[in-house]
Amino acid sequence: MFSFFRPMYWLTMNPPQVGGFLGNVVFFVFVLCVVLGIIGHVVTDRRKKDRYVRQIGKRVSTLLVTMGILGVLLFFFSFEGIRLFGARFWYPVWLIVTIVWALLIIRFVRKDIPQAQQQTQVRQAVAKYLPHRKVKKRHR
């Protein structure tokens, strides 16, 4: 029952059996990632108020779509019994890559965005004292 705690369980080239309830749950999670990523991409394209919120939304939706598609491909290879591409070790690799990518997004939100906002405020504060070109209004 607890054979998935042993390293040899994960390091074999034999693809796992993805049928049954657990296989359906895994497939549903992968498809849900793709759908949520597409919805997130559409929503962030329509929101044009804050560019930082758009950047966060685009990064999260890209993560979801990419990892969802890779997960569906991994599930397909496991379902078809393809030894190399459907091997068990790809599932932990998929999970590790997803976690690292999510942590990079969290770092972007916590570190890079506040720095960029601060630089924008400084630039705007300095720019109001600098001369700039006036835009002429055209009469029709």
Protein backbone atom coordinates (compact mmCIF):
# COMPACT_ATOMS: atom_id res chain seq x y z
CA MET A 1 0.00 0.00 0.00
CA PHE A 2 2.79 2.46 0.83
CA SER A 3 5.06 1.39 -1.99
CA PHE A 4 5.08 4.95 -3.40
CA PHE A 5 7.37 5.98 -0.50
CA ARG A 6 10.16 3.79 -1.86
CA PRO A 7 12.52 5.38 -4.41
CA MET A 8 12.52 2.31 -6.64
CA TYR A 9 8.78 2.74 -7.15
CA TRP A 10 9.39 6.11 -8.82
CA LEU A 11 12.63 5.27 -10.65
CA THR A 12 11.33 2.48 -12.87
CA MET A 13 10.72 2.93 -16.57
CA ASN A 14 7.34 1.20 -16.35
CA PRO A 15 4.45 3.61 -16.75
CA PRO A 16 1.89 3.65 -13.95
CA GLN A 17 -1.62 2.36 -14.40
CA VAL A 18 -3.69 5.51 -14.80
CA GLY A 19 -7.09 3.90 -15.07
CA GLY A 20 -9.70 3.96 -12.37
CA PHE A 21 -10.73 6.68 -9.96
CA LEU A 22 -7.25 7.98 -9.14
CA GLY A 23 -6.33 8.19 -12.82
CA ASN A 24 -9.51 10.14 -13.52
CA VAL A 25 -8.70 12.54 -10.67
CA VAL A 26 -5.17 13.13 -12.02
CA PHE A 27 -6.51 13.72 -15.53
CA PHE A 28 -9.17 16.10 -14.17
CA VAL A 29 -6.48 18.11 -12.32
CA PHE A 30 -4.42 18.47 -15.51
CA VAL A 31 -7.43 19.52 -17.58
CA LEU A 32 -8.53 21.91 -14.81
CA CYS A 33 -5.09 23.56 -14.94
CA VAL A 34 -5.46 24.14 -18.68
CA VAL A 35 -9.00 25.53 -18.37
CA LEU A 36 -8.13 27.82 -15.44
CA GLY A 37 -5.04 29.04 -17.28
CA ILE A 38 -7.06 29.92 -20.39
CA ILE A 39 -9.72 31.68 -18.30
CA GLY A 40 -7.01 33.55 -16.39
CA HIS A 41 -5.36 34.63 -19.63
CA VAL A 42 -8.64 35.97 -21.02
CA VAL A 43 -9.44 37.80 -17.79
CA THR A 44 -6.00 39.41 -17.53
CA ASP A 45 -6.15 40.55 -21.17
CA ARG A 46 -9.39 42.41 -20.49
CA ARG A 47 -8.14 44.04 -17.29
CA LYS A 48 -6.14 47.04 -18.42
CA LYS A 49 -6.00 49.08 -15.20
CA ASP A 50 -2.89 47.91 -13.36
CA ARG A 51 0.00 46.57 -15.37
CA TYR A 52 1.46 44.71 -12.40
CA VAL A 53 -1.76 42.79 -11.83
CA ARG A 54 -1.74 41.94 -15.54
CA GLN A 55 1.85 40.68 -15.31
CA ILE A 56 1.00 38.48 -12.32
CA GLY A 57 -2.10 37.13 -14.07
CA LYS A 58 -0.20 36.38 -17.24
CA ARG A 59 2.55 34.54 -15.36
CA VAL A 60 0.08 32.45 -13.37
CA SER A 61 -2.02 31.64 -16.42
CA THR A 62 1.09 30.69 -18.41
CA LEU A 63 2.13 28.38 -15.58
CA LEU A 64 -1.29 26.73 -15.48
CA VAL A 65 -1.62 26.27 -19.25
CA THR A 66 1.93 25.00 -19.73
CA MET A 67 1.92 22.56 -16.84
CA GLY A 68 -1.63 21.44 -17.65
CA ILE A 69 -0.72 20.61 -21.25
CA LEU A 70 2.46 18.83 -20.13
CA GLY A 71 0.42 16.92 -17.55
CA VAL A 72 -2.15 15.84 -20.13
CA LEU A 73 0.68 14.66 -22.41
CA LEU A 74 2.27 12.79 -19.51
CA PHE A 75 -1.08 11.20 -18.69
CA PHE A 76 -1.54 10.22 -22.35
CA PHE A 77 1.89 8.57 -22.50
CA SER A 78 1.18 6.70 -19.26
CA PHE A 79 -2.24 5.64 -20.52
CA GLU A 80 -0.75 4.30 -23.75
CA GLY A 81 2.01 2.49 -21.85
CA ILE A 82 4.95 4.25 -23.50
CA ARG A 83 7.95 3.33 -21.37
CA LEU A 84 10.17 6.41 -21.47
CA PHE A 85 7.68 9.25 -21.80
CA GLY A 86 5.08 7.66 -19.54
CA ALA A 87 7.48 6.62 -16.77
CA ARG A 88 6.63 7.29 -13.14
CA PHE A 89 9.56 9.60 -12.47
CA TRP A 90 8.03 12.27 -14.72
CA TYR A 91 5.20 12.88 -12.23
CA PRO A 92 7.50 14.05 -9.39
CA VAL A 93 9.55 16.01 -11.95
CA TRP A 94 6.34 17.70 -13.11
CA LEU A 95 5.41 18.51 -9.51
CA ILE A 96 8.88 19.90 -8.66
CA VAL A 97 8.94 22.10 -11.77
CA THR A 98 5.45 23.41 -10.95
CA ILE A 99 6.46 24.24 -7.37
CA VAL A 100 9.69 25.98 -8.45
CA TRP A 101 7.82 27.99 -11.08
CA ALA A 102 5.17 29.00 -8.52
CA LEU A 103 7.88 30.04 -6.07
CA LEU A 104 9.46 32.21 -8.77
CA ILE A 105 6.10 33.89 -9.31
CA ILE A 106 5.76 34.47 -5.55
CA ARG A 107 9.27 35.98 -5.51
CA PHE A 108 8.26 38.23 -8.40
CA VAL A 109 5.19 39.40 -6.47
CA ARG A 110 7.00 40.00 -3.20
CA LYS A 111 10.31 41.40 -4.41
CA ASP A 112 10.28 42.58 -8.01
CA ILE A 113 6.91 44.34 -8.15
CA PRO A 114 7.50 46.59 -5.10
CA GLN A 115 10.87 47.59 -6.55
CA ALA A 116 9.32 48.36 -9.93
CA GLN A 117 6.52 50.38 -8.31
CA GLN A 118 9.04 52.36 -6.31
CA GLN A 119 11.14 53.07 -9.41
CA THR A 120 8.01 54.17 -11.28
CA GLN A 121 7.08 56.59 -8.48
CA VAL A 122 10.60 58.05 -8.42
CA ARG A 123 10.60 58.41 -12.20
CA GLN A 124 7.21 60.14 -12.13
CA ALA A 125 8.33 62.46 -9.32
CA VAL A 126 11.41 63.50 -11.30
CA ALA A 127 9.56 63.70 -14.62
CA LYS A 128 7.11 66.34 -13.41
CA TYR A 129 9.99 68.81 -13.13
CA LEU A 130 11.45 68.02 -16.53
CA PRO A 131 10.28 69.78 -19.67
CA HIS A 132 8.31 67.66 -22.04
CA ARG A 133 6.89 68.11 -25.48
CA LYS A 134 3.38 69.44 -25.66
CA VAL A 135 0.93 67.51 -27.75
CA LYS A 136 -1.09 69.65 -30.12
CA LYS A 137 -4.77 68.95 -30.38
CA ARG A 138 -6.02 68.56 -33.89
CA HIS A 139 -9.30 70.17 -34.77
CA ARG A 140 -11.63 68.35 -37.09
